[in-house]
């Protein structure tokens, strides 16, 4: 069983480079006049950031001047793209090992970062695995079910549980759990039990967490990123992960007005079917 550090491990590179950070933006004042504003710097923890969608989210966030805490499963296995980000944004990114399926690993990472006095404005639970994808119930290895829930569902719960104290110290906080359309009940099909069921459970966790944190004005979303050109999605996928990453960073920066009554949305902020 292979571990995949994102919804789409590896995937298309960050070709074409990353745009230079634009630290200002325009708003309209009460009299309809354009006003140049200073962009708020958002401090974001991203799991499964070593490659795939996680790496693209990190790149999009850094290009806008934000700060990224990039959690990877294995430092020696990070992609060339992540290595490039480390070199380009040395002062704005910290890369460290954290296995979301290991309680002690998550606790150790939190203690390290908390000891540095860091606060968080956003958490992206992106680390995930997809195994036994084509197996029907007759051939399914049930140990793969346990592993998938450990990473895809309990992993995000573990991360939130450990890092909430740092999030409470932040501003305009947002939690994004990377989910999937595969977790919707109405789109169920005969295979892919571990991934789809673990994502259904992640959607429920997101909904419960959203209610728990509502009064603190901490927003929680389960985001379906779509079928992307990554290792998990394959080269025939229609979506560019860079576009999806940009939408997710918009959500983290609270640039999108999201009217969904449920936590489960796509990367543009539209509600997803349950």
Protein backbone atom coordinates (compact mmCIF):
# COMPACT_ATOMS: atom_id res chain seq x y z
CA UNK A 1 0.00 0.00 0.00
CA UNK A 2 1.50 3.31 -1.00
CA UNK A 3 0.96 6.56 0.89
CA UNK A 4 -0.12 9.50 -1.21
CA UNK A 5 0.54 12.90 0.28
CA UNK A 6 -2.36 14.72 -1.27
CA UNK A 7 -5.55 14.27 -3.24
CA UNK A 8 -3.29 13.76 -6.22
CA UNK A 9 0.24 12.83 -5.26
CA UNK A 10 2.85 14.40 -7.51
CA UNK A 11 0.94 15.49 -10.57
CA UNK A 12 1.66 18.21 -13.05
CA UNK A 13 4.55 20.46 -12.09
CA UNK A 14 4.34 24.11 -11.23
CA UNK A 15 5.26 24.90 -14.81
CA UNK A 16 5.63 28.47 -15.90
CA UNK A 17 6.93 29.53 -12.51
CA UNK A 18 5.04 31.33 -9.77
CA UNK A 19 3.91 34.90 -10.13
CA UNK A 20 5.63 37.53 -8.04
CA UNK A 21 3.70 38.31 -4.89
CA UNK A 22 1.25 41.19 -5.14
CA UNK A 23 0.85 42.50 -1.62
CA UNK A 24 -1.84 45.07 -2.43
CA UNK A 25 -5.37 44.99 -3.81
CA UNK A 26 -8.18 47.40 -4.63
CA UNK A 27 -11.45 47.89 -2.81
CA UNK A 28 -14.25 50.41 -3.14
CA UNK A 29 -14.96 52.78 -0.27
CA UNK A 30 -18.41 53.92 0.83
CA UNK A 31 -18.42 56.66 -1.83
CA UNK A 32 -17.61 54.34 -4.71
CA UNK A 33 -13.97 55.40 -4.93
CA UNK A 34 -11.18 52.88 -5.51
CA UNK A 35 -8.88 52.43 -2.51
CA UNK A 36 -5.52 50.64 -2.55
CA UNK A 37 -5.33 48.32 0.47
CA UNK A 38 -2.53 46.31 2.03
CA UNK A 39 -3.10 42.58 1.71
CA UNK A 40 -3.50 40.65 4.96
CA UNK A 41 -0.79 38.00 5.46
CA UNK A 42 -2.39 34.63 6.18
CA UNK A 43 -0.47 31.95 8.09
CA UNK A 44 -1.49 28.53 6.79
CA UNK A 45 -0.73 24.96 7.85
CA UNK A 46 -0.99 22.54 4.90
CA UNK A 47 -0.76 18.77 5.32
CA UNK A 48 0.37 16.56 2.46
CA UNK A 49 2.22 19.57 1.09
CA UNK A 50 5.18 17.68 -0.36
CA UNK A 51 3.60 17.21 -3.75
CA UNK A 52 0.35 17.30 -5.73
CA UNK A 53 -2.46 19.62 -4.74
CA UNK A 54 -0.88 20.42 -1.37
CA UNK A 55 2.23 21.73 -3.09
CA UNK A 56 0.11 23.79 -5.50
CA UNK A 57 -1.85 25.32 -2.60
CA UNK A 58 1.44 26.21 -0.92
CA UNK A 59 2.70 27.82 -4.14
CA UNK A 60 -0.48 29.85 -4.62
CA UNK A 61 -0.45 31.02 -1.00
CA UNK A 62 3.22 31.99 -1.07
CA UNK A 63 2.85 33.86 -4.36
CA UNK A 64 0.34 36.14 -2.63
CA UNK A 65 2.74 36.90 0.20
CA UNK A 66 1.25 34.48 2.74
CA UNK A 67 3.24 32.28 5.11
CA UNK A 68 3.10 28.48 4.87
CA UNK A 69 3.81 25.70 7.32
CA UNK A 70 4.20 22.73 4.99
CA UNK A 71 3.72 19.34 6.63
CA UNK A 72 5.09 16.44 4.57
CA UNK A 73 5.13 12.72 5.22
CA UNK A 74 8.80 12.32 4.31
CA UNK A 75 11.34 15.09 3.76
CA UNK A 76 13.51 13.02 1.37
CA UNK A 77 10.46 12.41 -0.85
CA UNK A 78 9.25 15.96 -1.39
CA UNK A 79 8.80 16.97 -5.01
CA UNK A 80 11.18 19.16 -6.98
CA UNK A 81 8.42 21.76 -6.99
CA UNK A 82 8.37 21.90 -3.20
CA UNK A 83 12.15 22.09 -3.12
CA UNK A 84 11.89 25.04 -5.50
CA UNK A 85 9.41 26.77 -3.20
CA UNK A 86 11.79 26.29 -0.27
CA UNK A 87 14.54 28.03 -2.21
CA UNK A 88 12.35 30.82 -3.58
CA UNK A 89 10.42 31.66 -0.40
CA UNK A 90 12.98 30.86 2.26
CA UNK A 91 11.61 33.38 4.77
CA UNK A 92 7.94 32.48 4.27
CA UNK A 93 7.86 28.67 4.28
CA UNK A 94 8.78 26.07 6.88
CA UNK A 95 8.78 22.43 5.78
CA UNK A 96 8.67 19.65 8.36
CA UNK A 97 7.71 15.99 8.69
CA UNK A 98 4.33 15.05 10.11
CA UNK A 99 2.45 11.78 9.63
CA UNK A 100 -1.24 12.55 10.13
CA UNK A 101 -1.95 8.88 10.92
CA UNK A 102 0.46 8.97 13.89
CA UNK A 103 -0.75 10.71 17.05
CA UNK A 104 2.76 11.27 18.40
CA UNK A 105 4.01 12.68 15.08
CA UNK A 106 1.22 15.28 15.00
CA UNK A 107 1.71 16.14 18.66
CA UNK A 108 5.47 16.53 18.16
CA UNK A 109 4.95 18.88 15.19
CA UNK A 110 2.45 20.97 17.12
CA UNK A 111 4.78 21.28 20.12
CA UNK A 112 7.64 22.36 17.85
CA UNK A 113 5.61 25.08 16.13
CA UNK A 114 3.82 26.20 19.27
CA UNK A 115 7.18 26.48 20.98
CA UNK A 116 8.23 28.95 18.30
CA UNK A 117 5.26 31.12 19.26
CA UNK A 118 3.48 30.59 15.95
CA UNK A 119 -0.22 31.28 15.41
CA UNK A 120 -2.40 30.04 12.54
CA UNK A 121 -5.06 31.69 10.42
CA UNK A 122 -5.78 28.63 8.29
CA UNK A 123 -5.48 24.85 8.23
CA UNK A 124 -5.69 22.77 5.05
CA UNK A 125 -6.15 19.07 5.71
CA UNK A 126 -4.97 17.78 2.35
CA UNK A 127 -3.03 14.59 3.13
CA UNK A 128 -4.89 11.51 1.88
CA UNK A 129 -4.46 8.04 0.42
CA UNK A 130 -6.44 6.15 -2.20
CA UNK A 131 -6.06 2.35 -2.16
CA UNK A 132 -8.07 -0.69 -3.34
CA UNK A 133 -9.75 1.62 -5.82
CA UNK A 134 -11.11 -1.04 -8.22
CA UNK A 135 -11.97 -3.71 -5.63
CA UNK A 136 -15.53 -4.88 -5.09
CA UNK A 137 -16.67 -6.07 -1.68
CA UNK A 138 -15.74 -9.68 -2.46
CA UNK A 139 -12.06 -8.82 -2.91
CA UNK A 140 -11.69 -5.81 -0.66
CA UNK A 141 -8.87 -5.88 1.91
CA UNK A 142 -10.54 -4.54 5.04
CA UNK A 143 -7.21 -3.47 6.47
CA UNK A 144 -7.16 -0.91 3.65
CA UNK A 145 -10.44 0.45 5.01
CA UNK A 146 -8.85 0.99 8.41
CA UNK A 147 -5.77 2.63 6.91
CA UNK A 148 -7.87 4.95 4.76
CA UNK A 149 -10.02 6.12 7.65
CA UNK A 150 -6.89 6.59 9.76
CA UNK A 151 -5.38 8.98 7.18
CA UNK A 152 -8.38 10.51 5.39
CA UNK A 153 -10.81 10.98 8.29
CA UNK A 154 -9.11 10.59 11.67
CA UNK A 155 -5.99 12.33 10.34
CA UNK A 156 -7.79 15.68 9.84
CA UNK A 157 -9.52 15.26 13.19
CA UNK A 158 -6.16 14.64 14.84
CA UNK A 159 -4.62 17.71 13.18
CA UNK A 160 -7.51 19.98 14.17
CA UNK A 161 -7.51 18.67 17.72
CA UNK A 162 -3.80 19.36 18.15
CA UNK A 163 -3.57 22.67 16.29
CA UNK A 164 -6.78 24.39 17.45
CA UNK A 165 -4.92 26.31 20.22
CA UNK A 166 -2.68 27.87 17.55
CA UNK A 167 -5.71 28.59 15.35
CA UNK A 168 -7.52 30.30 18.23
CA UNK A 169 -4.63 32.80 18.33
CA UNK A 170 -5.07 33.70 14.66
CA UNK A 171 -7.37 36.07 12.78
CA UNK A 172 -10.29 35.41 10.42
CA UNK A 173 -9.56 31.72 10.67
CA UNK A 174 -10.56 29.11 8.10
CA UNK A 175 -10.27 25.32 8.09
CA UNK A 176 -10.37 23.57 4.71
CA UNK A 177 -10.69 19.79 4.64
CA UNK A 178 -9.98 18.50 1.14
CA UNK A 179 -12.84 16.14 0.37
CA UNK A 180 -14.19 14.61 -2.84
CA UNK A 181 -17.32 14.13 -4.87
CA UNK A 182 -16.58 10.44 -4.33
CA UNK A 183 -17.91 10.94 -0.80
CA UNK A 184 -21.40 11.95 -1.89
CA UNK A 185 -24.19 9.45 -1.29
CA UNK A 186 -26.03 10.17 -4.55
CA UNK A 187 -22.89 9.51 -6.64
CA UNK A 188 -22.05 6.16 -5.04
CA UNK A 189 -20.72 3.39 -7.26
CA UNK A 190 -19.68 -0.23 -6.82
CA UNK A 191 -15.99 0.21 -5.97
CA UNK A 192 -13.54 2.60 -4.25
CA UNK A 193 -14.91 1.77 -0.81
CA UNK A 194 -12.00 3.03 1.34
CA UNK A 195 -11.60 6.42 -0.28
CA UNK A 196 -15.26 7.28 -0.82
CA UNK A 197 -16.45 6.16 2.61
CA UNK A 198 -13.61 7.95 4.41
CA UNK A 199 -14.45 11.16 2.53
CA UNK A 200 -18.15 10.82 3.43
CA UNK A 201 -17.09 10.65 7.07
CA UNK A 202 -14.79 13.65 6.55
CA UNK A 203 -17.78 15.65 5.28
CA UNK A 204 -19.71 14.83 8.44
CA UNK A 205 -16.75 15.80 10.61
CA UNK A 206 -16.53 19.10 8.74
CA UNK A 207 -20.22 19.79 9.35
CA UNK A 208 -19.96 19.03 13.08
CA UNK A 209 -16.80 21.13 13.40
CA UNK A 210 -18.46 23.99 11.53
CA UNK A 211 -21.26 24.06 14.08
CA UNK A 212 -18.81 23.83 16.98
CA UNK A 213 -16.70 26.79 15.80
CA UNK A 214 -19.48 28.97 14.35
CA UNK A 215 -19.72 31.32 17.35
CA UNK A 216 -15.96 31.92 17.20
CA UNK A 217 -16.33 32.99 13.54
CA UNK A 218 -13.97 30.21 12.44
CA UNK A 219 -15.15 28.98 9.07
CA UNK A 220 -14.97 25.29 8.18
CA UNK A 221 -15.35 23.80 4.71
CA UNK A 222 -15.03 20.39 3.11
CA UNK A 223 -13.85 21.23 -0.40
CA UNK A 224 -14.27 19.04 -3.47
CA UNK A 225 -11.32 20.06 -5.68
CA UNK A 226 -12.53 18.30 -8.81
CA UNK A 227 -10.82 15.90 -11.17
CA UNK A 228 -7.32 17.33 -11.55
CA UNK A 229 -4.22 16.49 -13.54
CA UNK A 230 -2.23 14.93 -10.70
CA UNK A 231 -0.86 11.44 -10.10
CA UNK A 232 -4.13 10.49 -8.47
CA UNK A 233 -6.28 12.15 -11.13
CA UNK A 234 -4.18 11.20 -14.14
CA UNK A 235 -3.15 13.12 -17.24
CA UNK A 236 -6.65 12.98 -18.79
CA UNK A 237 -8.25 14.97 -15.97
CA UNK A 238 -9.78 18.27 -17.17
CA UNK A 239 -8.81 20.58 -14.28
CA UNK A 240 -5.48 22.32 -13.75
CA UNK A 241 -4.50 21.93 -10.08
CA UNK A 242 -3.08 25.46 -10.11
CA UNK A 243 -6.56 26.85 -10.77
CA UNK A 244 -8.04 24.71 -7.99
CA UNK A 245 -5.29 25.82 -5.60
CA UNK A 246 -5.99 29.47 -6.38
CA UNK A 247 -9.67 28.96 -5.52
CA UNK A 248 -8.79 27.27 -2.23
CA UNK A 249 -6.46 30.13 -1.27
CA UNK A 250 -9.30 32.56 -2.07
CA UNK A 251 -11.39 30.64 0.47
CA UNK A 252 -8.57 30.77 3.04
CA UNK A 253 -8.21 34.51 2.51
CA UNK A 254 -11.99 34.93 2.80
CA UNK A 255 -12.07 36.59 -0.61
CA UNK A 256 -15.05 34.49 -1.73
CA UNK A 257 -18.57 35.14 -0.53
CA UNK A 258 -19.85 31.65 0.22
CA UNK A 259 -23.59 31.26 0.72
CA UNK A 260 -23.71 27.50 1.12
CA UNK A 261 -25.76 26.26 4.07
CA UNK A 262 -23.52 23.20 4.37
CA UNK A 263 -19.76 22.80 4.78
CA UNK A 264 -19.36 20.70 1.60
CA UNK A 265 -18.51 23.00 -1.33
CA UNK A 266 -16.35 23.04 -4.46
CA UNK A 267 -13.29 25.22 -4.94
CA UNK A 268 -15.41 28.08 -6.30
CA UNK A 269 -17.57 28.12 -3.16
CA UNK A 270 -20.66 26.47 -4.63
CA UNK A 271 -22.46 23.86 -2.48
CA UNK A 272 -21.95 20.21 -3.31
CA UNK A 273 -24.66 17.52 -3.19
CA UNK A 274 -24.55 15.25 -0.15
